[in-house]
């Protein structure tokens, strides 16, 4: 069993390996069932989520969908959110104005982005995506940890995220952005 020789096996990379990737490069990725995102030109591939993770995503979606006004839309991944030419993310759940979507993507920051943590994405969700969404002016960002269960919510205040809720278990978060909704973390995983 030897190593693959890229020259002999005519192996090609779908983009030049000597520069940050862009949306154009992301469009050339294979349609292989993996979830690909870009943050500052770096490719991030996310593995399939656990059953508990998916249950939390579905519960967040249902809570937001039930409270959503008609001029807004709640969607779940995969849907590209293009916040810069080199940053294309797919929040687990998002809320945006209906008029802001194209048939293909959301070409700007949503009104709300929600990530459900998993061991493989925790650092990306809490650091990279948090900072990029803040810089893009996303009015609200939530992170749900289904293992705890817990919710942390931030809202934009004077150009920076301020934590507006941190609840666990049966505690109640009453959030107002992008619309009024009540979230109980324990309800997201049951």
N, C-alpha and C. Protein backbone atom coordinates (compact mmCIF):
# COMPACT_ATOMS: atom_id res chain seq x y z
N UNK A 1 0.84 -1.18 0.00
CA UNK A 1 0.00 0.00 0.00
C UNK A 1 0.88 1.24 0.00
N UNK A 2 0.96 1.90 -1.12
CA UNK A 2 1.78 3.10 -1.20
C UNK A 2 0.92 4.35 -1.20
N UNK A 3 1.59 5.46 -1.10
CA UNK A 3 0.92 6.75 -1.16
C UNK A 3 0.52 7.05 -2.59
N UNK A 4 -0.52 7.84 -2.74
CA UNK A 4 -0.96 8.24 -4.08
C UNK A 4 -0.03 9.32 -4.58
N UNK A 5 0.48 9.13 -5.77
CA UNK A 5 1.32 10.13 -6.39
C UNK A 5 0.43 11.02 -7.24
N UNK A 6 0.25 12.30 -6.84
CA UNK A 6 -0.67 13.18 -7.57
C UNK A 6 -0.30 13.35 -9.04
N UNK A 7 0.98 13.30 -9.37
CA UNK A 7 1.38 13.49 -10.76
C UNK A 7 1.04 12.25 -11.58
N UNK A 8 1.39 11.07 -11.06
CA UNK A 8 1.13 9.84 -11.80
C UNK A 8 -0.35 9.54 -11.93
N UNK A 9 -1.13 9.82 -10.92
CA UNK A 9 -2.56 9.48 -10.94
C UNK A 9 -3.44 10.60 -11.52
N UNK A 10 -2.81 11.62 -12.08
CA UNK A 10 -3.54 12.73 -12.68
C UNK A 10 -4.56 13.32 -11.70
N UNK A 11 -4.14 13.46 -10.48
CA UNK A 11 -4.98 14.02 -9.42
C UNK A 11 -5.01 15.54 -9.55
N UNK A 12 -6.20 16.12 -9.55
CA UNK A 12 -6.31 17.57 -9.62
C UNK A 12 -7.17 18.09 -8.49
N UNK A 13 -6.82 19.24 -7.98
CA UNK A 13 -7.58 19.92 -6.94
C UNK A 13 -8.51 20.90 -7.65
N UNK A 14 -9.76 21.05 -7.18
CA UNK A 14 -10.69 21.93 -7.89
C UNK A 14 -10.38 23.43 -7.75
N UNK A 15 -9.29 23.80 -7.06
CA UNK A 15 -8.92 25.20 -6.91
C UNK A 15 -7.41 25.27 -6.70
N UNK A 16 -6.81 26.41 -6.95
CA UNK A 16 -5.37 26.56 -6.68
C UNK A 16 -5.13 26.50 -5.17
N UNK A 17 -4.21 25.64 -4.70
CA UNK A 17 -4.00 25.48 -3.27
C UNK A 17 -3.19 26.60 -2.61
N UNK A 18 -2.80 27.61 -3.36
CA UNK A 18 -1.92 28.64 -2.82
C UNK A 18 -2.61 29.96 -2.52
N UNK A 19 -3.93 29.94 -2.36
CA UNK A 19 -4.64 31.18 -2.05
C UNK A 19 -5.91 30.86 -1.27
N UNK A 20 -6.46 31.86 -0.57
CA UNK A 20 -7.74 31.62 0.12
C UNK A 20 -8.84 31.32 -0.88
N UNK A 21 -9.78 30.51 -0.47
CA UNK A 21 -10.90 30.15 -1.34
C UNK A 21 -11.95 31.24 -1.35
N UNK A 22 -12.78 31.23 -2.40
CA UNK A 22 -13.86 32.19 -2.55
C UNK A 22 -15.17 31.44 -2.82
N UNK A 23 -16.24 32.18 -2.91
CA UNK A 23 -17.54 31.61 -3.25
C UNK A 23 -17.47 30.84 -4.56
N UNK A 24 -16.73 31.38 -5.52
CA UNK A 24 -16.58 30.70 -6.81
C UNK A 24 -15.97 29.31 -6.63
N UNK A 25 -14.96 29.20 -5.78
CA UNK A 25 -14.34 27.90 -5.51
C UNK A 25 -15.33 26.97 -4.82
N UNK A 26 -16.09 27.50 -3.89
CA UNK A 26 -17.07 26.69 -3.17
C UNK A 26 -18.10 26.11 -4.13
N UNK A 27 -18.47 26.87 -5.14
CA UNK A 27 -19.43 26.39 -6.14
C UNK A 27 -18.89 25.20 -6.93
N UNK A 28 -17.58 25.04 -6.96
CA UNK A 28 -16.95 23.96 -7.72
C UNK A 28 -16.72 22.71 -6.87
N UNK A 29 -17.11 22.75 -5.60
CA UNK A 29 -16.94 21.57 -4.75
C UNK A 29 -17.86 20.46 -5.24
N UNK A 30 -17.45 19.22 -5.03
CA UNK A 30 -18.28 18.10 -5.49
C UNK A 30 -19.60 18.05 -4.73
N UNK A 31 -20.63 17.61 -5.37
CA UNK A 31 -21.93 17.40 -4.74
C UNK A 31 -21.92 15.99 -4.16
N UNK A 32 -21.26 15.85 -3.02
CA UNK A 32 -21.03 14.54 -2.44
C UNK A 32 -21.75 14.30 -1.12
N UNK A 33 -22.67 15.19 -0.78
CA UNK A 33 -23.43 15.01 0.45
C UNK A 33 -22.79 15.64 1.67
N UNK A 34 -21.56 16.13 1.56
CA UNK A 34 -20.93 16.81 2.68
C UNK A 34 -21.38 18.26 2.73
N UNK A 35 -21.30 18.85 3.91
CA UNK A 35 -21.67 20.26 4.09
C UNK A 35 -20.39 21.08 4.12
N UNK A 36 -20.21 21.95 3.11
CA UNK A 36 -19.02 22.78 2.99
C UNK A 36 -19.36 24.23 3.28
N UNK A 37 -18.49 24.88 4.05
CA UNK A 37 -18.62 26.30 4.35
C UNK A 37 -17.25 26.94 4.19
N UNK A 38 -17.22 28.25 4.03
CA UNK A 38 -15.97 29.01 3.97
C UNK A 38 -15.98 30.05 5.07
N UNK A 39 -14.87 30.17 5.77
CA UNK A 39 -14.68 31.25 6.73
C UNK A 39 -13.31 31.84 6.45
N UNK A 40 -13.28 33.08 6.02
CA UNK A 40 -12.04 33.78 5.68
C UNK A 40 -11.21 32.99 4.67
N UNK A 41 -11.87 32.36 3.72
CA UNK A 41 -11.18 31.65 2.67
C UNK A 41 -10.75 30.24 3.03
N UNK A 42 -11.01 29.80 4.25
CA UNK A 42 -10.67 28.44 4.67
C UNK A 42 -11.90 27.55 4.57
N UNK A 43 -11.71 26.37 4.00
CA UNK A 43 -12.80 25.42 3.81
C UNK A 43 -13.08 24.67 5.11
N UNK A 44 -14.35 24.59 5.48
CA UNK A 44 -14.78 23.83 6.65
C UNK A 44 -15.78 22.80 6.17
N UNK A 45 -15.52 21.53 6.50
CA UNK A 45 -16.44 20.45 6.16
C UNK A 45 -17.01 19.92 7.46
N UNK A 46 -18.33 19.84 7.54
CA UNK A 46 -19.00 19.41 8.75
C UNK A 46 -19.50 17.98 8.59
N UNK A 47 -19.20 17.12 9.58
CA UNK A 47 -19.72 15.75 9.51
C UNK A 47 -21.21 15.70 9.81
N UNK A 48 -21.81 14.59 9.55
CA UNK A 48 -23.24 14.41 9.81
C UNK A 48 -23.53 14.60 11.30
N UNK A 49 -24.60 15.28 11.63
CA UNK A 49 -24.93 15.53 13.03
C UNK A 49 -25.56 14.32 13.71
N UNK A 50 -25.56 14.35 15.05
CA UNK A 50 -26.19 13.28 15.83
C UNK A 50 -27.70 13.45 15.85
N UNK A 51 -28.37 12.44 16.32
CA UNK A 51 -29.83 12.48 16.44
C UNK A 51 -30.27 13.58 17.41
N UNK A 52 -29.59 13.71 18.56
CA UNK A 52 -29.90 14.76 19.53
C UNK A 52 -29.72 16.14 18.91
N UNK A 53 -28.66 16.30 18.16
CA UNK A 53 -28.39 17.56 17.46
C UNK A 53 -29.54 17.90 16.52
N UNK A 54 -29.96 16.94 15.71
CA UNK A 54 -31.04 17.17 14.76
C UNK A 54 -32.36 17.46 15.47
N UNK A 55 -32.58 16.80 16.59
CA UNK A 55 -33.80 17.07 17.36
C UNK A 55 -33.81 18.52 17.84
N UNK A 56 -32.66 19.02 18.30
CA UNK A 56 -32.57 20.41 18.75
C UNK A 56 -32.79 21.38 17.59
N UNK A 57 -32.19 21.09 16.44
CA UNK A 57 -32.40 21.94 15.26
C UNK A 57 -33.88 22.02 14.91
N UNK A 58 -34.54 20.87 14.89
CA UNK A 58 -35.97 20.83 14.56
C UNK A 58 -36.80 21.61 15.57
N UNK A 59 -36.48 21.50 16.85
CA UNK A 59 -37.24 22.21 17.89
C UNK A 59 -37.05 23.72 17.80
N UNK A 60 -35.82 24.15 17.52
CA UNK A 60 -35.58 25.59 17.33
C UNK A 60 -36.37 26.09 16.13
N UNK A 61 -36.31 25.35 15.04
CA UNK A 61 -37.06 25.72 13.84
C UNK A 61 -38.57 25.85 14.15
N UNK A 62 -39.12 24.85 14.82
CA UNK A 62 -40.57 24.88 15.13
C UNK A 62 -40.93 26.09 16.01
N UNK A 63 -40.12 26.38 17.02
CA UNK A 63 -40.40 27.52 17.90
C UNK A 63 -40.35 28.83 17.13
N UNK A 64 -39.36 28.99 16.27
CA UNK A 64 -39.25 30.22 15.48
C UNK A 64 -40.35 30.31 14.44
N UNK A 65 -40.62 29.21 13.76
CA UNK A 65 -41.65 29.18 12.72
C UNK A 65 -43.01 29.57 13.29
N UNK A 66 -43.34 29.07 14.48
CA UNK A 66 -44.64 29.35 15.11
C UNK A 66 -44.81 30.82 15.45
N UNK A 67 -43.72 31.52 15.71
CA UNK A 67 -43.81 32.93 16.12
C UNK A 67 -43.47 33.90 14.99
N UNK A 68 -43.05 33.41 13.85
CA UNK A 68 -42.53 34.25 12.77
C UNK A 68 -43.60 35.08 12.08
N UNK A 69 -43.40 36.40 11.96
CA UNK A 69 -44.33 37.22 11.18
C UNK A 69 -44.20 36.91 9.68
N UNK A 70 -45.24 37.21 8.94
CA UNK A 70 -45.32 36.79 7.54
C UNK A 70 -44.27 37.42 6.63
N UNK A 71 -43.72 38.56 6.98
CA UNK A 71 -42.72 39.20 6.12
C UNK A 71 -41.32 38.60 6.28
N UNK A 72 -41.18 37.69 7.26
CA UNK A 72 -39.91 37.02 7.51
C UNK A 72 -40.06 35.54 7.17
N UNK A 73 -38.91 34.87 7.02
CA UNK A 73 -38.93 33.44 6.74
C UNK A 73 -37.89 32.75 7.61
N UNK A 74 -38.25 31.57 8.11
CA UNK A 74 -37.35 30.73 8.90
C UNK A 74 -36.96 29.55 8.03
N UNK A 75 -35.65 29.32 7.88
CA UNK A 75 -35.14 28.20 7.11
C UNK A 75 -34.04 27.49 7.89
N UNK A 76 -33.73 26.25 7.50
CA UNK A 76 -32.67 25.52 8.15
C UNK A 76 -31.66 25.07 7.10
N UNK A 77 -30.48 24.69 7.56
CA UNK A 77 -29.39 24.27 6.67
C UNK A 77 -29.77 23.02 5.90
N UNK A 78 -29.22 22.90 4.72
CA UNK A 78 -28.19 23.75 4.13
C UNK A 78 -28.78 24.87 3.27
N UNK A 79 -28.37 26.07 3.56
CA UNK A 79 -28.65 27.24 2.72
C UNK A 79 -27.47 28.17 2.90
N UNK A 80 -26.85 28.55 1.80
CA UNK A 80 -25.68 29.43 1.86
C UNK A 80 -26.08 30.83 2.30
N UNK A 81 -25.31 31.36 3.25
CA UNK A 81 -25.40 32.76 3.66
C UNK A 81 -24.06 33.38 3.29
N UNK A 82 -24.09 34.29 2.33
CA UNK A 82 -22.87 34.88 1.80
C UNK A 82 -22.64 36.21 2.51
N UNK A 83 -21.67 36.22 3.44
CA UNK A 83 -21.42 37.46 4.18
C UNK A 83 -20.15 38.16 3.71
N UNK A 84 -19.40 37.52 2.83
CA UNK A 84 -18.23 38.12 2.19
C UNK A 84 -17.84 37.19 1.04
N UNK A 85 -17.05 37.66 0.09
CA UNK A 85 -16.64 36.78 -1.01
C UNK A 85 -15.91 35.53 -0.53
N UNK A 86 -15.24 35.62 0.63
CA UNK A 86 -14.51 34.46 1.15
C UNK A 86 -15.16 33.84 2.38
N UNK A 87 -16.39 34.22 2.67
CA UNK A 87 -17.08 33.69 3.85
C UNK A 87 -18.52 33.35 3.48
N UNK A 88 -18.78 32.05 3.37
CA UNK A 88 -20.10 31.52 3.03
C UNK A 88 -20.41 30.47 4.09
N UNK A 89 -21.40 30.76 4.93
CA UNK A 89 -21.73 29.85 6.02
C UNK A 89 -23.14 29.30 5.85
N UNK A 90 -23.45 28.28 6.63
CA UNK A 90 -24.77 27.66 6.61
C UNK A 90 -25.25 27.49 8.05
N UNK A 91 -25.85 28.53 8.64
CA UNK A 91 -26.36 28.38 10.00
C UNK A 91 -27.38 27.23 10.06
N UNK A 92 -27.44 26.58 11.21
CA UNK A 92 -28.41 25.48 11.38
C UNK A 92 -29.82 25.97 11.11
N UNK A 93 -30.16 27.13 11.66
CA UNK A 93 -31.47 27.77 11.45
C UNK A 93 -31.21 29.25 11.26
N UNK A 94 -31.98 29.89 10.40
CA UNK A 94 -31.83 31.33 10.20
C UNK A 94 -33.19 31.97 9.97
N UNK A 95 -33.23 33.26 10.26
CA UNK A 95 -34.42 34.08 9.98
C UNK A 95 -33.95 35.28 9.18
N UNK A 96 -34.67 35.58 8.09
CA UNK A 96 -34.35 36.73 7.25
C UNK A 96 -35.64 37.25 6.62
N UNK A 97 -35.55 38.47 6.11
CA UNK A 97 -36.68 39.02 5.36
C UNK A 97 -36.86 38.22 4.08
N UNK A 98 -38.09 37.91 3.73
CA UNK A 98 -38.37 37.14 2.51
C UNK A 98 -37.74 37.80 1.28
N UNK A 99 -37.78 39.11 1.24
CA UNK A 99 -37.27 39.84 0.08
C UNK A 99 -35.75 39.78 -0.05
N UNK A 100 -35.05 39.38 1.01
CA UNK A 100 -33.59 39.35 0.98
C UNK A 100 -33.02 38.08 0.35
N UNK A 101 -33.82 37.04 0.22
CA UNK A 101 -33.35 35.77 -0.36
C UNK A 101 -33.31 35.85 -1.87
N UNK A 102 -32.37 35.14 -2.45
CA UNK A 102 -32.42 34.84 -3.88
C UNK A 102 -32.88 33.38 -3.97
N UNK A 103 -33.07 32.87 -5.15
CA UNK A 103 -33.42 31.46 -5.29
C UNK A 103 -32.29 30.56 -4.81
N UNK A 104 -31.10 31.07 -4.84
CA UNK A 104 -29.90 30.29 -4.54
C UNK A 104 -29.42 30.41 -3.10
N UNK A 105 -29.55 31.61 -2.49
CA UNK A 105 -28.89 31.84 -1.21
C UNK A 105 -29.46 33.07 -0.50
N UNK A 106 -28.83 33.43 0.59
CA UNK A 106 -29.08 34.69 1.28
C UNK A 106 -27.78 35.48 1.13
N UNK A 107 -27.78 36.52 0.28
CA UNK A 107 -26.54 37.22 -0.03
C UNK A 107 -26.16 38.31 0.99
N UNK A 108 -26.57 38.14 2.21
CA UNK A 108 -26.25 39.09 3.29
C UNK A 108 -26.49 38.39 4.62
N UNK A 109 -26.12 39.05 5.68
CA UNK A 109 -26.33 38.46 7.01
C UNK A 109 -27.83 38.34 7.29
N UNK A 110 -28.24 37.25 7.95
CA UNK A 110 -29.64 37.11 8.33
C UNK A 110 -29.97 38.01 9.52
N UNK A 111 -31.24 38.06 9.88
CA UNK A 111 -31.65 38.78 11.09
C UNK A 111 -31.31 37.97 12.34
N UNK A 112 -31.33 36.65 12.20
CA UNK A 112 -30.97 35.73 13.28
C UNK A 112 -30.28 34.52 12.67
N UNK A 113 -29.16 34.13 13.27
CA UNK A 113 -28.49 32.87 12.92
C UNK A 113 -28.44 32.04 14.20
N UNK A 114 -28.76 30.76 14.06
CA UNK A 114 -28.74 29.84 15.20
C UNK A 114 -27.83 28.67 14.86
N UNK A 115 -26.92 28.34 15.77
CA UNK A 115 -26.09 27.16 15.64
C UNK A 115 -26.37 26.22 16.80
N UNK A 116 -26.41 24.94 16.52
CA UNK A 116 -26.53 23.91 17.55
C UNK A 116 -25.16 23.26 17.66
N UNK A 117 -24.59 23.31 18.85
CA UNK A 117 -23.23 22.85 19.05
C UNK A 117 -23.11 21.34 18.93
N UNK A 118 -21.97 20.92 18.43
CA UNK A 118 -21.58 19.51 18.44
C UNK A 118 -20.08 19.52 18.70
N UNK A 119 -19.51 18.41 19.14
CA UNK A 119 -18.07 18.40 19.45
C UNK A 119 -17.21 18.88 18.29
N UNK A 120 -17.59 18.55 17.07
CA UNK A 120 -16.75 18.92 15.92
C UNK A 120 -16.92 20.36 15.47
N UNK A 121 -17.99 21.05 15.90
CA UNK A 121 -18.23 22.41 15.42
C UNK A 121 -18.19 23.47 16.52
N UNK A 122 -18.04 23.07 17.76
CA UNK A 122 -18.16 24.00 18.88
C UNK A 122 -17.24 25.23 18.75
N UNK A 123 -15.98 25.01 18.47
CA UNK A 123 -15.05 26.14 18.37
C UNK A 123 -15.37 27.04 17.18
N UNK A 124 -15.73 26.44 16.07
CA UNK A 124 -16.09 27.23 14.89
C UNK A 124 -17.33 28.07 15.18
N UNK A 125 -18.34 27.47 15.81
CA UNK A 125 -19.59 28.18 16.10
C UNK A 125 -19.41 29.29 17.12
N UNK A 126 -18.62 29.02 18.17
CA UNK A 126 -18.47 30.00 19.26
C UNK A 126 -17.43 31.06 18.98
N UNK A 127 -16.53 30.82 18.04
CA UNK A 127 -15.50 31.82 17.78
C UNK A 127 -15.59 32.38 16.36
N UNK A 128 -15.37 31.52 15.37
CA UNK A 128 -15.30 32.02 13.99
C UNK A 128 -16.64 32.55 13.50
N UNK A 129 -17.67 31.72 13.55
CA UNK A 129 -18.97 32.17 13.04
C UNK A 129 -19.50 33.35 13.86
N UNK A 130 -19.33 33.28 15.17
CA UNK A 130 -19.77 34.38 16.05
C UNK A 130 -19.14 35.69 15.60
N UNK A 131 -17.83 35.70 15.42
CA UNK A 131 -17.14 36.94 15.06
C UNK A 131 -17.48 37.40 13.64
N UNK A 132 -17.63 36.47 12.71
CA UNK A 132 -17.94 36.87 11.34
C UNK A 132 -19.36 37.40 11.23
N UNK A 133 -20.30 36.79 11.94
CA UNK A 133 -21.67 37.29 11.92
C UNK A 133 -21.76 38.65 12.61
N UNK A 134 -21.03 38.82 13.69
CA UNK A 134 -20.98 40.12 14.36
C UNK A 134 -20.45 41.19 13.41
N UNK A 135 -19.33 40.90 12.74
CA UNK A 135 -18.73 41.85 11.79
C UNK A 135 -19.67 42.16 10.62
N UNK A 136 -20.48 41.18 10.22
CA UNK A 136 -21.42 41.37 9.11
C UNK A 136 -22.69 42.10 9.54
N UNK A 137 -22.85 42.35 10.85
CA UNK A 137 -24.02 43.09 11.33
C UNK A 137 -25.25 42.24 11.54
N UNK A 138 -25.10 40.94 11.70
CA UNK A 138 -26.26 40.07 11.98
C UNK A 138 -26.86 40.49 13.31
N UNK A 139 -28.13 40.92 13.36
CA UNK A 139 -28.71 41.45 14.58
C UNK A 139 -28.78 40.50 15.77
N UNK A 140 -28.85 39.18 15.53
CA UNK A 140 -28.94 38.24 16.65
C UNK A 140 -28.27 36.93 16.29
N UNK A 141 -27.62 36.34 17.29
CA UNK A 141 -26.94 35.05 17.12
C UNK A 141 -27.21 34.22 18.37
N UNK A 142 -27.69 32.99 18.16
CA UNK A 142 -27.95 32.07 19.26
C UNK A 142 -27.10 30.83 19.08
N UNK A 143 -26.69 30.27 20.22
CA UNK A 143 -26.00 29.00 20.23
C UNK A 143 -26.71 28.08 21.22
N UNK A 144 -27.09 26.91 20.75
CA UNK A 144 -27.78 25.92 21.58
C UNK A 144 -26.82 24.76 21.81
N UNK A 145 -26.70 24.35 23.06
CA UNK A 145 -25.93 23.16 23.39
C UNK A 145 -26.91 22.07 23.81
N UNK A 146 -27.14 21.07 22.95
CA UNK A 146 -28.15 20.06 23.27
C UNK A 146 -27.70 19.11 24.39
N UNK A 147 -26.41 19.03 24.65
CA UNK A 147 -25.93 18.14 25.70
C UNK A 147 -26.22 18.68 27.09
N UNK A 148 -26.31 19.99 27.26
CA UNK A 148 -26.49 20.57 28.60
C UNK A 148 -27.91 20.47 29.11
N UNK A 149 -28.99 20.76 28.49
CA UNK A 149 -29.23 21.66 27.35
C UNK A 149 -29.16 23.13 27.80
N UNK A 150 -28.70 23.98 26.89
CA UNK A 150 -28.57 25.40 27.20
C UNK A 150 -28.69 26.24 25.94
N UNK A 151 -28.89 27.53 26.17
CA UNK A 151 -28.99 28.51 25.09
C UNK A 151 -28.25 29.76 25.52
N UNK A 152 -27.41 30.28 24.65
CA UNK A 152 -26.82 31.60 24.83
C UNK A 152 -27.26 32.43 23.64
N UNK A 153 -27.74 33.64 23.90
CA UNK A 153 -28.20 34.53 22.83
C UNK A 153 -27.48 35.87 22.93
N UNK A 154 -27.07 36.36 21.78
CA UNK A 154 -26.45 37.67 21.68
C UNK A 154 -27.27 38.52 20.73
N UNK A 155 -27.29 39.82 20.99
CA UNK A 155 -27.92 40.78 20.09
C UNK A 155 -26.95 41.92 19.84
N UNK A 156 -27.07 42.51 18.67
CA UNK A 156 -26.21 43.61 18.28
C UNK A 156 -26.57 44.86 19.09
N UNK A 157 -25.59 45.43 19.74
CA UNK A 157 -25.74 46.67 20.50
C UNK A 157 -24.54 47.56 20.19
N UNK A 158 -24.79 48.71 19.59
CA UNK A 158 -23.71 49.65 19.26
C UNK A 158 -22.59 48.99 18.46
N UNK A 159 -22.96 48.16 17.49
CA UNK A 159 -21.99 47.56 16.59
C UNK A 159 -21.26 46.34 17.11
N UNK A 160 -21.66 45.83 18.28
CA UNK A 160 -21.00 44.64 18.85
C UNK A 160 -22.05 43.76 19.52
N UNK A 161 -21.75 42.47 19.60
CA UNK A 161 -22.67 41.55 20.27
C UNK A 161 -22.62 41.73 21.78
N UNK A 162 -23.81 41.75 22.36
CA UNK A 162 -23.97 41.76 23.81
C UNK A 162 -24.82 40.55 24.16
N UNK A 163 -24.40 39.82 25.17
CA UNK A 163 -25.16 38.65 25.60
C UNK A 163 -26.46 39.11 26.24
N UNK A 164 -27.60 38.58 25.75
CA UNK A 164 -28.91 38.98 26.28
C UNK A 164 -29.61 37.84 27.01
N UNK A 165 -29.10 36.62 26.86
CA UNK A 165 -29.69 35.48 27.57
C UNK A 165 -28.65 34.38 27.68
N UNK A 166 -28.67 33.71 28.81
CA UNK A 166 -27.89 32.49 29.02
C UNK A 166 -28.71 31.64 29.97
N UNK A 167 -29.36 30.61 29.41
CA UNK A 167 -30.28 29.80 30.20
C UNK A 167 -29.96 28.32 30.00
N UNK A 168 -30.29 27.54 31.02
CA UNK A 168 -30.10 26.10 30.96
C UNK A 168 -31.36 25.40 31.44
N UNK A 169 -31.51 24.15 31.02
CA UNK A 169 -32.60 23.31 31.50
C UNK A 169 -33.96 23.93 31.32
N UNK A 170 -34.70 24.08 32.43
CA UNK A 170 -36.07 24.60 32.40
C UNK A 170 -36.15 26.12 32.50
N UNK A 171 -35.01 26.80 32.52
CA UNK A 171 -35.03 28.27 32.55
C UNK A 171 -35.61 28.80 31.24
N UNK A 172 -36.20 29.98 31.31
CA UNK A 172 -36.89 30.56 30.16
C UNK A 172 -36.12 31.74 29.61
N UNK A 173 -35.93 31.76 28.29
CA UNK A 173 -35.36 32.92 27.61
C UNK A 173 -36.48 33.58 26.82
N UNK A 174 -36.72 34.84 27.11
CA UNK A 174 -37.69 35.64 26.35
C UNK A 174 -36.90 36.60 25.46
N UNK A 175 -36.90 36.30 24.19
CA UNK A 175 -36.08 37.05 23.24
C UNK A 175 -36.96 37.88 22.33
N UNK A 176 -36.42 39.01 21.89
CA UNK A 176 -37.21 39.97 21.10
C UNK A 176 -36.69 40.17 19.68
N UNK A 177 -35.49 39.73 19.37
CA UNK A 177 -34.91 39.97 18.05
C UNK A 177 -34.72 38.63 17.35
N UNK A 178 -35.26 38.47 16.15
CA UNK A 178 -35.90 39.45 15.29
C UNK A 178 -37.39 39.65 15.55
N UNK A 179 -37.95 38.80 16.45
CA UNK A 179 -39.35 38.95 16.87
C UNK A 179 -39.46 38.25 18.22
N UNK A 180 -40.55 38.50 18.91
CA UNK A 180 -40.72 37.93 20.25
C UNK A 180 -40.91 36.41 20.17
N UNK A 181 -40.10 35.70 20.96
CA UNK A 181 -40.18 34.25 21.04
C UNK A 181 -39.64 33.82 22.40
N UNK A 182 -40.23 32.77 22.94
CA UNK A 182 -39.79 32.21 24.21
C UNK A 182 -39.15 30.85 23.95
N UNK A 183 -37.97 30.64 24.57
CA UNK A 183 -37.23 29.39 24.38
C UNK A 183 -36.87 28.81 25.73
N UNK A 184 -37.16 27.52 25.90
CA UNK A 184 -36.77 26.76 27.10
C UNK A 184 -35.83 25.66 26.61
N UNK A 185 -34.54 25.72 26.99
CA UNK A 185 -33.58 24.74 26.46
C UNK A 185 -34.01 23.27 26.63
N UNK A 186 -34.59 22.92 27.76
CA UNK A 186 -34.99 21.52 27.98
C UNK A 186 -36.01 21.07 26.94
N UNK A 187 -36.82 21.99 26.44
CA UNK A 187 -37.82 21.64 25.43
C UNK A 187 -37.22 21.35 24.06
N UNK A 188 -35.97 21.77 23.86
CA UNK A 188 -35.32 21.61 22.56
C UNK A 188 -34.76 20.22 22.33
N UNK A 189 -34.70 19.43 23.39
CA UNK A 189 -34.10 18.11 23.24
C UNK A 189 -35.02 16.98 23.68
N UNK A 190 -36.26 17.30 24.00
CA UNK A 190 -37.17 16.26 24.46
C UNK A 190 -38.10 15.78 23.36
